Amino acid sequence: MAYLTDSIRDILRAPKNIVVTMHRDPDADAIGSSLGWAAFLTKIGHRVTVISPTEVPGNLIWLDTGSDILNFEDRKAGRSLCLEAIDAADLICCLDFSAMGRLKDMAVFINRAKAPVLVIDHHLDPEPFATFLISDVSAAATAQIVYYCIGEWDASLMDEVIAERLYAGIMTDTGSFRHNNTTREVHLAVADLMQYGVQADKVHRMIFDNSPLSRLQMLGHSLSTITVLPEFRTSYMVLTHKTLEAFHSSVGDTDGIVNFGLQVEDVVMTVLFIERSNEVKISFRSVADFSVRELAHAHFDGGGHKNASGGRSNLSLSATIEKFLGILPHYREQLRAVNK
């Protein structure tokens, strides 16, 4: 399929002030696709500002080779620069999200902006805020879509830095190429990216083998909290606000912890409850045909992908867990029927 319509090509032809942004608590796909797209836009003559609604996780900072990402929550300097860029923008590009709520406090300013909005994303059911929409739910990652877009415009613009960023996004959103979204097209895309000098072992090491000791200790604590519910083929873990403080948790330290719950024998759904100062963040993972996206959307104001989704609760931690346990009986038959 062609991603760059005539209207998108028209708006990208003349030099513009462009803001590129991503979802809150950005992962490697959000950062990799945004930085890759920004580098491409810069190469074709645009003036680009990259903004993250929240802080960039420590294990992903290395992707920002030019220290280009502004943090909207940095009230000392970042906030004012972000607002100036949004106000001056001729185009705003939103990557790896399709719901305004994913921008956190920045959403109101993007909504007020006069500039048209281009959304590039691979999630289901995008909200209707985009002026231009590039959406492909069959893509494993937004970075994969960006790869195709650059190829459609001019493949010669690809270079090692862009390729590395896009590779990181695709690798992480496919679970290091082990999830069922790892298609033939994914392998062909990353094979092409690697010809630009991407070192697969380096990317994996920088993202997954680059943690402070405190994060590994917190992981150990998380695993000690695991509860298994055999009747529902479900497991869950809990991280309290007190625990996060005890292990000096920073942005990104909880990423990936939820996946360990699926390693339990016969478990087809796992959940991680994280108690923040003003909400409970919930991560859901599943295997095969059970859709955690539907569960998260129906009960926890969430969304995402079929087997990897997130949600939030304004209830207390104990009340949130109680609510989750209360809805499990409604999904019992579905969970029992999954062929893991």
C-alpha atoms as a PDB file:
ATOM      1  CA  MET A   1       0.000   0.000   0.000  1.00  0.00           C
ATOM      2  CA  ALA A   2       1.101   3.598  -0.628  1.00  0.00           C
ATOM      3  CA  TYR A   3       1.336   5.759   2.496  1.00  0.00           C
ATOM      4  CA  LEU A   4       2.234   9.147   1.042  1.00  0.00           C
ATOM      5  CA  THR A   5      -0.905  10.522  -0.574  1.00  0.00           C
ATOM      6  CA  ASP A   6      -0.769  13.489  -2.930  1.00  0.00           C
ATOM      7  CA  SER A   7      -2.006  15.801  -0.168  1.00  0.00           C
ATOM      8  CA  ILE A   8       0.738  14.640   2.210  1.00  0.00           C
ATOM      9  CA  ARG A   9       3.376  15.007  -0.484  1.00  0.00           C
ATOM     10  CA  ASP A  10       2.117  18.516  -1.236  1.00  0.00           C
ATOM     11  CA  ILE A  11       2.390  19.669   2.365  1.00  0.00           C
ATOM     12  CA  LEU A  12       5.908  18.237   2.699  1.00  0.00           C
ATOM     13  CA  ARG A  13       7.320  19.760  -0.505  1.00  0.00           C
ATOM     14  CA  ALA A  14       7.941  23.322   0.716  1.00  0.00           C
ATOM     15  CA  PRO A  15      10.156  24.032   3.780  1.00  0.00           C
ATOM     16  CA  LYS A  16       8.155  24.383   6.985  1.00  0.00           C
ATOM     17  CA  ASN A  17       8.412  24.637  10.746  1.00  0.00           C
ATOM     18  CA  ILE A  18       7.420  21.162  11.911  1.00  0.00           C
ATOM     19  CA  VAL A  19       6.844  19.743  15.379  1.00  0.00           C
ATOM     20  CA  VAL A  20       7.238  15.978  15.792  1.00  0.00           C
ATOM     21  CA  THR A  21       5.800  14.476  18.952  1.00  0.00           C
ATOM     22  CA  MET A  22       5.074  11.085  20.495  1.00  0.00           C
ATOM     23  CA  HIS A  23       3.015   9.551  23.294  1.00  0.00           C
ATOM     24  CA  ARG A  24       3.705  10.048  27.002  1.00  0.00           C
ATOM     25  CA  ASP A  25       6.203   7.692  28.689  1.00  0.00           C
ATOM     26  CA  PRO A  26       7.689   6.980  25.253  1.00  0.00           C
ATOM     27  CA  ASP A  27       9.029   3.555  24.345  1.00  0.00           C
ATOM     28  CA  ALA A  28      11.624   2.708  21.707  1.00  0.00           C
ATOM     29  CA  ASP A  29       9.068   2.711  18.886  1.00  0.00           C
ATOM     30  CA  ALA A  30       7.758   6.145  19.836  1.00  0.00           C
ATOM     31  CA  ILE A  31      11.256   7.597  20.138  1.00  0.00           C
ATOM     32  CA  GLY A  32      12.814   5.698  17.245  1.00  0.00           C
ATOM     33  CA  SER A  33      10.038   6.469  14.788  1.00  0.00           C
ATOM     34  CA  SER A  34       9.841  10.140  15.862  1.00  0.00           C
ATOM     35  CA  LEU A  35      13.583  10.729  15.619  1.00  0.00           C
ATOM     36  CA  GLY A  36      13.794   8.801  12.354  1.00  0.00           C
ATOM     37  CA  TRP A  37      10.940  10.829  10.852  1.00  0.00           C
ATOM     38  CA  ALA A  38      12.451  14.073  12.163  1.00  0.00           C
ATOM     39  CA  ALA A  39      15.817  13.286  10.582  1.00  0.00           C
ATOM     40  CA  PHE A  40      14.109  12.563   7.270  1.00  0.00           C
ATOM     41  CA  LEU A  41      12.152  15.831   7.431  1.00  0.00           C
ATOM     42  CA  THR A  42      15.348  17.736   8.172  1.00  0.00           C
ATOM     43  CA  LYS A  43      17.032  16.168   5.153  1.00  0.00           C
ATOM     44  CA  ILE A  44      14.285  17.386   2.833  1.00  0.00           C
ATOM     45  CA  GLY A  45      14.591  20.955   4.066  1.00  0.00           C
ATOM     46  CA  HIS A  46      12.271  21.378   7.053  1.00  0.00           C
ATOM     47  CA  ARG A  47      13.010  22.961  10.437  1.00  0.00           C
ATOM     48  CA  VAL A  48      12.061  20.327  12.978  1.00  0.00           C
ATOM     49  CA  THR A  49      11.466  20.352  16.729  1.00  0.00           C
ATOM     50  CA  VAL A  50      10.978  17.014  18.507  1.00  0.00           C
ATOM     51  CA  ILE A  51       8.938  17.076  21.713  1.00  0.00           C
ATOM     52  CA  SER A  52       8.200  14.339  24.225  1.00  0.00           C
ATOM     53  CA  PRO A  53       5.233  14.940  26.563  1.00  0.00           C
ATOM     54  CA  THR A  54       7.253  13.366  29.381  1.00  0.00           C
ATOM     55  CA  GLU A  55      10.840  12.470  30.196  1.00  0.00           C
ATOM     56  CA  VAL A  56      12.737  10.068  27.925  1.00  0.00           C
ATOM     57  CA  PRO A  57      13.638   6.768  29.674  1.00  0.00           C
ATOM     58  CA  GLY A  58      17.312   6.437  30.569  1.00  0.00           C
ATOM     59  CA  ASN A  59      17.885   3.322  28.466  1.00  0.00           C
ATOM     60  CA  LEU A  60      16.631   5.123  25.340  1.00  0.00           C
ATOM     61  CA  ILE A  61      18.479   8.443  25.609  1.00  0.00           C
ATOM     62  CA  TRP A  62      21.267   7.088  23.382  1.00  0.00           C
ATOM     63  CA  LEU A  63      18.844   7.095  20.420  1.00  0.00           C
ATOM     64  CA  ASP A  64      18.735  10.895  20.690  1.00  0.00           C
ATOM     65  CA  THR A  65      22.244  11.329  19.279  1.00  0.00           C
ATOM     66  CA  GLY A  66      21.906  15.090  18.887  1.00  0.00           C
ATOM     67  CA  SER A  67      20.086  15.692  22.185  1.00  0.00           C
ATOM     68  CA  ASP A  68      17.227  17.023  20.103  1.00  0.00           C
ATOM     69  CA  ILE A  69      14.214  15.919  22.142  1.00  0.00           C
ATOM     70  CA  LEU A  70      12.575  18.585  24.296  1.00  0.00           C
ATOM     71  CA  ASN A  71      10.762  17.459  27.437  1.00  0.00           C
ATOM     72  CA  PHE A  72       7.407  19.213  27.802  1.00  0.00           C
ATOM     73  CA  GLU A  73       7.475  18.609  31.562  1.00  0.00           C
ATOM     74  CA  ASP A  74      10.816  20.410  31.949  1.00  0.00           C
ATOM     75  CA  ARG A  75       9.496  23.669  33.355  1.00  0.00           C
ATOM     76  CA  LYS A  76      12.940  25.279  33.648  1.00  0.00           C
ATOM     77  CA  ALA A  77      13.507  25.590  29.901  1.00  0.00           C
ATOM     78  CA  GLY A  78      11.811  22.841  27.939  1.00  0.00           C
ATOM     79  CA  ARG A  79       8.197  23.937  28.451  1.00  0.00           C
ATOM     80  CA  SER A  80       8.677  27.424  27.011  1.00  0.00           C
ATOM     81  CA  LEU A  81      10.647  26.136  24.014  1.00  0.00           C
ATOM     82  CA  CYS A  82       7.954  23.523  23.371  1.00  0.00           C
ATOM     83  CA  LEU A  83       5.155  26.085  23.448  1.00  0.00           C
ATOM     84  CA  GLU A  84       7.065  28.403  21.125  1.00  0.00           C
ATOM     85  CA  ALA A  85       7.615  25.577  18.650  1.00  0.00           C
ATOM     86  CA  ILE A  86       3.957  24.499  18.753  1.00  0.00           C
ATOM     87  CA  ASP A  87       2.793  28.088  18.239  1.00  0.00           C
ATOM     88  CA  ALA A  88       5.147  28.584  15.280  1.00  0.00           C
ATOM     89  CA  ALA A  89       4.469  25.203  13.671  1.00  0.00           C
ATOM     90  CA  ASP A  90       3.191  24.896  10.113  1.00  0.00           C
ATOM     91  CA  LEU A  91       2.653  21.158  10.650  1.00  0.00           C
ATOM     92  CA  ILE A  92       2.457  18.925  13.725  1.00  0.00           C
ATOM     93  CA  CYS A  93       3.364  15.248  13.317  1.00  0.00           C
ATOM     94  CA  CYS A  94       2.043  12.833  15.933  1.00  0.00           C
ATOM     95  CA  LEU A  95       3.779   9.468  15.903  1.00  0.00           C
ATOM     96  CA  ASP A  96       2.900   6.155  17.559  1.00  0.00           C
ATOM     97  CA  PHE A  97      -0.373   7.248  19.139  1.00  0.00           C
ATOM     98  CA  SER A  98      -3.887   7.955  17.941  1.00  0.00           C
ATOM     99  CA  ALA A  99      -5.613   9.335  21.042  1.00  0.00           C
ATOM    100  CA  MET A 100      -5.077  12.858  22.343  1.00  0.00           C
ATOM    101  CA  GLY A 101      -5.030  11.613  25.924  1.00  0.00           C
ATOM    102  CA  ARG A 102      -1.648  10.003  25.239  1.00  0.00           C
ATOM    103  CA  LEU A 103      -0.126  13.513  25.158  1.00  0.00           C
ATOM    104  CA  LYS A 104      -0.897  14.128  28.830  1.00  0.00           C
ATOM    105  CA  ASP A 105      -0.684  17.877  29.659  1.00  0.00           C
ATOM    106  CA  MET A 106       0.485  18.751  26.165  1.00  0.00           C
ATOM    107  CA  ALA A 107      -2.824  17.692  24.607  1.00  0.00           C
ATOM    108  CA  VAL A 108      -4.596  20.980  25.247  1.00  0.00           C
ATOM    109  CA  PHE A 109      -1.886  22.948  23.423  1.00  0.00           C
ATOM    110  CA  ILE A 110      -1.875  20.624  20.409  1.00  0.00           C
ATOM    111  CA  ASN A 111      -5.668  20.925  20.266  1.00  0.00           C
ATOM    112  CA  ARG A 112      -5.401  24.721  20.247  1.00  0.00           C
ATOM    113  CA  ALA A 113      -2.662  24.829  17.607  1.00  0.00           C
ATOM    114  CA  LYS A 114      -3.516  26.311  14.227  1.00  0.00           C
ATOM    115  CA  ALA A 115      -1.233  23.943  12.313  1.00  0.00           C
ATOM    116  CA  PRO A 116      -2.619  20.862  10.559  1.00  0.00           C
ATOM    117  CA  VAL A 117      -1.858  17.518  12.192  1.00  0.00           C
ATOM    118  CA  LEU A 118      -0.299  14.480  10.518  1.00  0.00           C
ATOM    119  CA  VAL A 119      -0.711  11.219  12.443  1.00  0.00           C
ATOM    120  CA  ILE A 120       1.524   8.227  11.688  1.00  0.00           C
ATOM    121  CA  ASP A 121       0.483   5.212  13.726  1.00  0.00           C
ATOM    122  CA  HIS A 122      -0.330   1.498  13.825  1.00  0.00           C
ATOM    123  CA  HIS A 123      -2.912   1.319  16.625  1.00  0.00           C
ATOM    124  CA  LEU A 124      -6.581   0.449  16.200  1.00  0.00           C
ATOM    125  CA  ASP A 125      -9.454   2.949  16.196  1.00  0.00           C
ATOM    126  CA  PRO A 126      -7.687   6.311  15.822  1.00  0.00           C
ATOM    127  CA  GLU A 127      -9.501   9.321  17.218  1.00  0.00           C
ATOM    128  CA  PRO A 128     -10.579  11.834  14.542  1.00  0.00           C
ATOM    129  CA  PHE A 129      -8.115  14.650  15.319  1.00  0.00           C
ATOM    130  CA  ALA A 130      -5.769  14.177  12.343  1.00  0.00           C
ATOM    131  CA  THR A 131      -5.830  16.411   9.281  1.00  0.00           C
ATOM    132  CA  PHE A 132      -3.736  13.781   7.512  1.00  0.00           C
ATOM    133  CA  LEU A 133      -3.637  10.162   8.627  1.00  0.00           C
ATOM    134  CA  ILE A 134      -1.124   7.436   7.833  1.00  0.00           C
ATOM    135  CA  SER A 135      -2.443   4.382   9.641  1.00  0.00           C
ATOM    136  CA  ASP A 136      -1.655   0.707   9.171  1.00  0.00           C
ATOM    137  CA  VAL A 137      -2.742  -1.660  11.930  1.00  0.00           C
ATOM    138  CA  SER A 138      -1.010  -4.541  10.155  1.00  0.00           C
ATOM    139  CA  ALA A 139       2.390  -2.892  10.718  1.00  0.00           C
ATOM    140  CA  ALA A 140       4.353  -4.249  13.682  1.00  0.00           C
ATOM    141  CA  ALA A 141       5.586  -0.788  14.650  1.00  0.00           C
ATOM    142  CA  THR A 142       5.215   2.845  13.703  1.00  0.00           C
ATOM    143  CA  ALA A 143       8.918   2.713  12.842  1.00  0.00           C
ATOM    144  CA  GLN A 144       8.071   0.188  10.131  1.00  0.00           C
ATOM    145  CA  ILE A 145       5.601   2.658   8.600  1.00  0.00           C
ATOM    146  CA  VAL A 146       8.206   5.440   8.721  1.00  0.00           C
ATOM    147  CA  TYR A 147      10.642   3.117   6.935  1.00  0.00           C
ATOM    148  CA  TYR A 148       8.127   2.656   4.116  1.00  0.00           C
ATOM    149  CA  CYS A 149       7.358   6.394   3.959  1.00  0.00           C
ATOM    150  CA  ILE A 150      11.019   7.315   3.544  1.00  0.00           C
ATOM    151  CA  GLY A 151      11.350   4.657   0.863  1.00  0.00           C
ATOM    152  CA  GLU A 152       8.369   6.058  -1.010  1.00  0.00           C
ATOM    153  CA  TRP A 153       9.791   9.572  -0.905  1.00  0.00           C
ATOM    154  CA  ASP A 154      13.445   8.773  -1.680  1.00  0.00           C
ATOM    155  CA  ALA A 155      15.179   5.644  -0.370  1.00  0.00           C
ATOM    156  CA  SER A 156      18.586   7.282  -0.854  1.00  0.00           C
ATOM    157  CA  LEU A 157      17.825   9.507   2.156  1.00  0.00           C
ATOM    158  CA  MET A 158      18.164   6.552   4.509  1.00  0.00           C
ATOM    159  CA  ASP A 159      21.378   6.494   6.539  1.00  0.00           C
ATOM    160  CA  GLU A 160      22.856   4.608   9.491  1.00  0.00           C
ATOM    161  CA  VAL A 161      21.431   6.901  12.178  1.00  0.00           C
ATOM    162  CA  ILE A 162      17.878   6.796  10.809  1.00  0.00           C
ATOM    163  CA  ALA A 163      18.120   3.050  10.196  1.00  0.00           C
ATOM    164  CA  GLU A 164      19.302   2.388  13.762  1.00  0.00           C
ATOM    165  CA  ARG A 165      16.414   4.365  15.226  1.00  0.00           C
ATOM    166  CA  LEU A 166      13.842   2.567  13.083  1.00  0.00           C
ATOM    167  CA  TYR A 167      15.409  -0.815  13.798  1.00  0.00           C
ATOM    168  CA  ALA A 168      15.140  -0.132  17.540  1.00  0.00           C
ATOM    169  CA  GLY A 169      11.434   0.655  17.200  1.00  0.00           C
ATOM    170  CA  ILE A 170      10.671  -2.443  15.171  1.00  0.00           C
ATOM    171  CA  MET A 171      12.784  -4.736  17.350  1.00  0.00           C
ATOM    172  CA  THR A 172      11.123  -3.695  20.597  1.00  0.00           C
ATOM    173  CA  ASP A 173       7.541  -3.666  19.313  1.00  0.00           C
ATOM    174  CA  THR A 174       7.991  -7.227  18.040  1.00  0.00           C
ATOM    175  CA  GLY A 175       9.457  -8.396  21.348  1.00  0.00           C
ATOM    176  CA  SER A 176      12.865  -8.900  19.739  1.00  0.00           C
ATOM    177  CA  PHE A 177      11.131 -10.584  16.788  1.00  0.00           C
ATOM    178  CA  ARG A 178       9.338 -13.236  18.851  1.00  0.00           C
ATOM    179  CA  HIS A 179       5.758 -11.888  18.867  1.00  0.00           C
ATOM    180  CA  ASN A 180       3.198 -12.960  16.284  1.00  0.00           C
ATOM    181  CA  ASN A 181       3.397  -9.544  14.609  1.00  0.00           C
ATOM    182  CA  THR A 182       6.844 -10.528  13.309  1.00  0.00           C
ATOM    183  CA  THR A 183       5.840 -11.044   9.697  1.00  0.00           C
ATOM    184  CA  ARG A 184       7.787 -11.667   6.521  1.00  0.00           C
ATOM    185  CA  GLU A 185       7.504  -7.935   5.818  1.00  0.00           C
ATOM    186  CA  VAL A 186       9.109  -7.143   9.177  1.00  0.00           C
ATOM    187  CA  HIS A 187      12.110  -9.342   8.425  1.00  0.00           C
ATOM    188  CA  LEU A 188      12.491  -7.814   4.967  1.00  0.00           C
ATOM    189  CA  ALA A 189      12.355  -4.300   6.417  1.00  0.00           C
ATOM    190  CA  VAL A 190      14.973  -4.926   9.120  1.00  0.00           C
ATOM    191  CA  ALA A 191      17.187  -6.792   6.664  1.00  0.00           C
ATOM    192  CA  ASP A 192      17.179  -3.683   4.484  1.00  0.00           C
ATOM    193  CA  LEU A 193      17.866  -1.422   7.483  1.00  0.00           C
ATOM    194  CA  MET A 194      20.858  -3.529   8.476  1.00  0.00           C
ATOM    195  CA  GLN A 195      22.600  -2.836   5.181  1.00  0.00           C
ATOM    196  CA  TYR A 196      23.161   0.725   6.456  1.00  0.00           C
ATOM    197  CA  GLY A 197      25.396  -0.533   9.252  1.00  0.00           C
ATOM    198  CA  VAL A 198      22.913  -1.231  12.045  1.00  0.00           C
ATOM    199  CA  GLN A 199      24.497  -3.483  14.669  1.00  0.00           C
ATOM    200  CA  ALA A 200      21.698  -5.652  16.025  1.00  0.00           C
ATOM    201  CA  ASP A 201      23.659  -6.711  19.111  1.00  0.00           C
ATOM    202  CA  LYS A 202      24.449  -3.086  20.002  1.00  0.00           C
ATOM    203  CA  VAL A 203      20.821  -1.969  19.749  1.00  0.00           C
ATOM    204  CA  HIS A 204      19.621  -4.872  21.883  1.00  0.00           C
ATOM    205  CA  ARG A 205      22.383  -4.338  24.450  1.00  0.00           C
ATOM    206  CA  MET A 206      21.799  -0.589  24.766  1.00  0.00           C
ATOM    207  CA  ILE A 207      18.068  -1.072  25.343  1.00  0.00           C
ATOM    208  CA  PHE A 208      17.911  -4.245  27.425  1.00  0.00           C
ATOM    209  CA  ASP A 209      21.358  -4.651  29.007  1.00  0.00           C
ATOM    210  CA  ASN A 210      21.825  -1.099  30.188  1.00  0.00           C
ATOM    211  CA  SER A 211      19.990  -0.980  33.519  1.00  0.00           C
ATOM    212  CA  PRO A 212      21.041   0.396  36.895  1.00  0.00           C
ATOM    213  CA  LEU A 213      21.349  -2.204  39.654  1.00  0.00           C
ATOM    214  CA  SER A 214      18.289  -0.744  41.376  1.00  0.00           C
ATOM    215  CA  ARG A 215      16.105  -1.649  38.399  1.00  0.00           C
ATOM    216  CA  LEU A 216      17.191  -5.280  38.505  1.00  0.00           C
ATOM    217  CA  GLN A 217      16.545  -5.348  42.234  1.00  0.00           C
ATOM    218  CA  MET A 218      13.072  -3.917  41.605  1.00  0.00           C
ATOM    219  CA  LEU A 219      12.488  -6.600  38.978  1.00  0.00           C
ATOM    220  CA  GLY A 220      13.364  -9.240  41.542  1.00  0.00           C
ATOM    221  CA  HIS A 221      10.920  -7.681  43.988  1.00  0.00           C
ATOM    222  CA  SER A 222       8.208  -7.571  41.309  1.00  0.00           C
ATOM    223  CA  LEU A 223       8.621 -11.264  40.584  1.00  0.00           C
ATOM    224  CA  SER A 224       8.280 -12.001  44.286  1.00  0.00           C
ATOM    225  CA  THR A 225       4.805 -10.395  44.227  1.00  0.00           C
ATOM    226  CA  ILE A 226       3.464 -12.551  41.403  1.00  0.00           C
ATOM    227  CA  THR A 227       0.062 -14.086  42.011  1.00  0.00           C
ATOM    228  CA  VAL A 228      -1.215 -16.905  39.785  1.00  0.00           C
ATOM    229  CA  LEU A 229      -4.911 -17.558  39.293  1.00  0.00           C
ATOM    230  CA  PRO A 230      -5.026 -21.029  37.662  1.00  0.00           C
ATOM    231  CA  GLU A 231      -8.795 -20.982  37.184  1.00  0.00           C
ATOM    232  CA  PHE A 232      -8.441 -17.954  34.907  1.00  0.00           C
ATOM    233  CA  ARG A 233      -4.991 -18.815  33.490  1.00  0.00           C
ATOM    234  CA  THR A 234      -3.926 -15.363  34.671  1.00  0.00           C
ATOM    235  CA  SER A 235      -1.063 -13.923  36.696  1.00  0.00           C
ATOM    236  CA  TYR A 236      -0.506 -10.448  38.077  1.00  0.00           C
ATOM    237  CA  MET A 237       2.194  -8.424  39.833  1.00  0.00           C
ATOM    238  CA  VAL A 238       2.055  -5.264  41.921  1.00  0.00           C
ATOM    239  CA  LEU A 239       4.433  -2.336  42.337  1.00  0.00           C
ATOM    240  CA  THR A 240       3.388   0.099  45.046  1.00  0.00           C
ATOM    241  CA  HIS A 241       4.391   3.747  45.180  1.00  0.00           C
ATOM    242  CA  LYS A 242       6.446   2.930  48.267  1.00  0.00           C
ATOM    243  CA  THR A 243       8.318   0.208  46.370  1.00  0.00           C
ATOM    244  CA  LEU A 244       9.062   2.542  43.459  1.00  0.00           C
ATOM    245  CA  GLU A 245      10.559   5.045  45.880  1.00  0.00           C
ATOM    246  CA  ALA A 246      12.544   2.378  47.732  1.00  0.00           C
ATOM    247  CA  PHE A 247      14.253   1.297  44.501  1.00  0.00           C
ATOM    248  CA  HIS A 248      14.667   4.890  43.244  1.00  0.00           C
ATOM    249  CA  SER A 249      12.598   4.072  40.154  1.00  0.00           C
ATOM    250  CA  SER A 250      12.947   6.458  37.239  1.00  0.00           C
ATOM    251  CA  VAL A 251      11.187   6.769  33.881  1.00  0.00           C
ATOM    252  CA  GLY A 252      11.262   3.502  31.953  1.00  0.00           C
ATOM    253  CA  ASP A 253      12.387   1.297  34.846  1.00  0.00           C
ATOM    254  CA  THR A 254       9.109  -0.655  34.870  1.00  0.00           C
ATOM    255  CA  ASP A 255       9.097  -1.305  31.116  1.00  0.00           C
ATOM    256  CA  GLY A 256       9.118  -4.973  30.227  1.00  0.00           C
ATOM    257  CA  ILE A 257       8.480  -6.279  33.742  1.00  0.00           C
ATOM    258  CA  VAL A 258       4.936  -7.346  32.867  1.00  0.00           C
ATOM    259  CA  ASN A 259       6.204  -9.759  30.208  1.00  0.00           C
ATOM    260  CA  PHE A 260       7.707 -12.065  32.827  1.00  0.00           C
ATOM    261  CA  GLY A 261       4.229 -13.033  33.971  1.00  0.00           C
ATOM    262  CA  LEU A 262       3.620 -14.890  30.720  1.00  0.00           C
ATOM    263  CA  GLN A 263       6.516 -17.220  31.461  1.00  0.00           C
ATOM    264  CA  VAL A 264       4.410 -18.997  34.077  1.00  0.00           C
ATOM    265  CA  GLU A 265       3.162 -22.366  32.877  1.00  0.00           C
ATOM    266  CA  ASP A 266      -0.361 -22.262  31.376  1.00  0.00           C
ATOM    267  CA  VAL A 267      -0.764 -18.495  31.895  1.00  0.00           C
ATOM    268  CA  VAL A 268      -2.314 -16.723  28.898  1.00  0.00           C
ATOM    269  CA  MET A 269      -2.840 -13.258  30.430  1.00  0.00           C
ATOM    270  CA  THR A 270      -0.665 -11.295  32.826  1.00  0.00           C
ATOM    271  CA  VAL A 271      -1.085  -7.870  34.388  1.00  0.00           C
ATOM    272  CA  LEU A 272       1.201  -5.414  36.164  1.00  0.00           C
ATOM    273  CA  PHE A 273      -0.344  -2.829  38.499  1.00  0.00           C
ATOM    274  CA  ILE A 274       1.868   0.205  39.155  1.00  0.00           C
ATOM    275  CA  GLU A 275       0.778   2.664  41.829  1.00  0.00           C
ATOM    276  CA  ARG A 276       1.663   6.222  40.868  1.00  0.00           C
ATOM    277  CA  SER A 277       1.041   9.371  42.906  1.00  0.00           C
ATOM    278  CA  ASN A 278      -2.330  10.142  41.314  1.00  0.00           C
ATOM    279  CA  GLU A 279      -3.345   6.965  39.436  1.00  0.00           C
ATOM    280  CA  VAL A 280      -2.716   3.278  38.948  1.00  0.00           C
ATOM    281  CA  LYS A 281      -1.035   2.443  35.671  1.00  0.00           C
ATOM    282  CA  ILE A 282      -1.892  -1.025  34.347  1.00  0.00           C
ATOM    283  CA  SER A 283       0.008  -3.071  31.759  1.00  0.00           C
ATOM    284  CA  PHE A 284      -1.661  -6.067  30.119  1.00  0.00           C
ATOM    285  CA  ARG A 285      -0.085  -8.852  28.070  1.00  0.00           C
ATOM    286  CA  SER A 286      -1.605 -11.972  26.537  1.00  0.00           C
ATOM    287  CA  VAL A 287      -0.916 -14.718  24.048  1.00  0.00           C
ATOM    288  CA  ALA A 288      -2.756 -16.189  21.065  1.00  0.00           C
ATOM    289  CA  ASP A 289      -6.364 -15.117  20.554  1.00  0.00           C
ATOM    290  CA  PHE A 290      -7.163 -13.486  23.884  1.00  0.00           C
ATOM    291  CA  SER A 291      -7.451  -9.716  23.398  1.00  0.00           C
ATOM    292  CA  VAL A 292      -6.247  -7.682  26.363  1.00  0.00           C
ATOM    293  CA  ARG A 293      -6.969  -4.603  24.296  1.00  0.00           C
ATOM    294  CA  GLU A 294     -10.701  -5.272  24.513  1.00  0.00           C
ATOM    295  CA  LEU A 295     -10.492  -5.867  28.261  1.00  0.00           C
ATOM    296  CA  ALA A 296      -8.411  -2.737  28.870  1.00  0.00           C
ATOM    297  CA  HIS A 297     -10.697  -0.606  26.704  1.00  0.00           C
ATOM    298  CA  ALA A 298     -13.885  -1.889  28.311  1.00  0.00           C
ATOM    299  CA  HIS A 299     -12.846  -1.579  31.942  1.00  0.00           C
ATOM    300  CA  PHE A 300      -9.739   0.590  32.374  1.00  0.00           C
ATOM    301  CA  ASP A 301      -9.974   3.413  29.832  1.00  0.00           C
ATOM    302  CA  GLY A 302      -7.177   1.727  27.912  1.00  0.00           C
ATOM    303  CA  GLY A 303      -6.126   0.562  24.503  1.00  0.00           C
ATOM    304  CA  GLY A 304      -3.193  -0.615  22.475  1.00  0.00           C
ATOM    305  CA  HIS A 305      -2.743  -3.904  20.689  1.00  0.00           C
ATOM    306  CA  LYS A 306      -4.483  -7.245  20.881  1.00  0.00           C
ATOM    307  CA  ASN A 307      -1.767  -8.867  22.996  1.00  0.00           C
ATOM    308  CA  ALA A 308      -0.131  -5.790  24.538  1.00  0.00           C
ATOM    309  CA  SER A 309      -2.203  -2.990  26.019  1.00  0.00           C
ATOM    310  CA  GLY A 310      -2.315  -0.480  28.813  1.00  0.00           C
ATOM    311  CA  GLY A 311      -4.891   1.153  31.020  1.00  0.00           C
ATOM    312  CA  ARG A 312      -5.306   3.469  33.985  1.00  0.00           C
ATOM    313  CA  SER A 313      -7.424   3.661  37.092  1.00  0.00           C
ATOM    314  CA  ASN A 314      -8.258   6.566  39.368  1.00  0.00           C
ATOM    315  CA  LEU A 315      -9.242   4.145  42.130  1.00  0.00           C
ATOM    316  CA  SER A 316      -6.855   3.156  44.894  1.00  0.00           C
ATOM    317  CA  LEU A 317      -4.435   0.317  44.198  1.00  0.00           C
ATOM    318  CA  SER A 318      -6.411  -2.179  46.271  1.00  0.00           C
ATOM    319  CA  ALA A 319      -9.709  -1.099  44.721  1.00  0.00           C
ATOM    320  CA  THR A 320      -8.216  -1.365  41.222  1.00  0.00           C
ATOM    321  CA  ILE A 321      -7.021  -4.914  41.866  1.00  0.00           C
ATOM    322  CA  GLU A 322     -10.397  -5.790  43.391  1.00  0.00           C
ATOM    323  CA  LYS A 323     -12.120  -4.435  40.276  1.00  0.00           C
ATOM    324  CA  PHE A 324      -9.846  -6.511  38.045  1.00  0.00           C
ATOM    325  CA  LEU A 325     -10.508  -9.674  40.039  1.00  0.00           C
ATOM    326  CA  GLY A 326     -14.220  -8.939  39.857  1.00  0.00           C
ATOM    327  CA  ILE A 327     -14.299  -8.849  36.059  1.00  0.00           C
ATOM    328  CA  LEU A 328     -12.202 -11.980  35.527  1.00  0.00           C
ATOM    329  CA  PRO A 329     -15.160 -14.386  35.809  1.00  0.00           C
ATOM    330  CA  HIS A 330     -16.679 -12.711  32.718  1.00  0.00           C
ATOM    331  CA  TYR A 331     -13.612 -13.749  30.715  1.00  0.00           C
ATOM    332  CA  ARG A 332     -13.149 -17.197  32.235  1.00  0.00           C
ATOM    333  CA  GLU A 333     -14.404 -19.183  29.264  1.00  0.00           C
ATOM    334  CA  GLN A 334     -12.368 -17.156  26.787  1.00  0.00           C
ATOM    335  CA  LEU A 335      -9.225 -17.593  28.837  1.00  0.00           C
ATOM    336  CA  ARG A 336      -9.813 -21.299  29.335  1.00  0.00           C
ATOM    337  CA  ALA A 337     -10.323 -21.808  25.590  1.00  0.00           C
ATOM    338  CA  VAL A 338      -6.981 -20.286  24.505  1.00  0.00           C
ATOM    339  CA  ASN A 339      -4.552 -22.736  22.965  1.00  0.00           C
ATOM    340  CA  LYS A 340      -1.218 -21.460  24.290  1.00  0.00           C
END
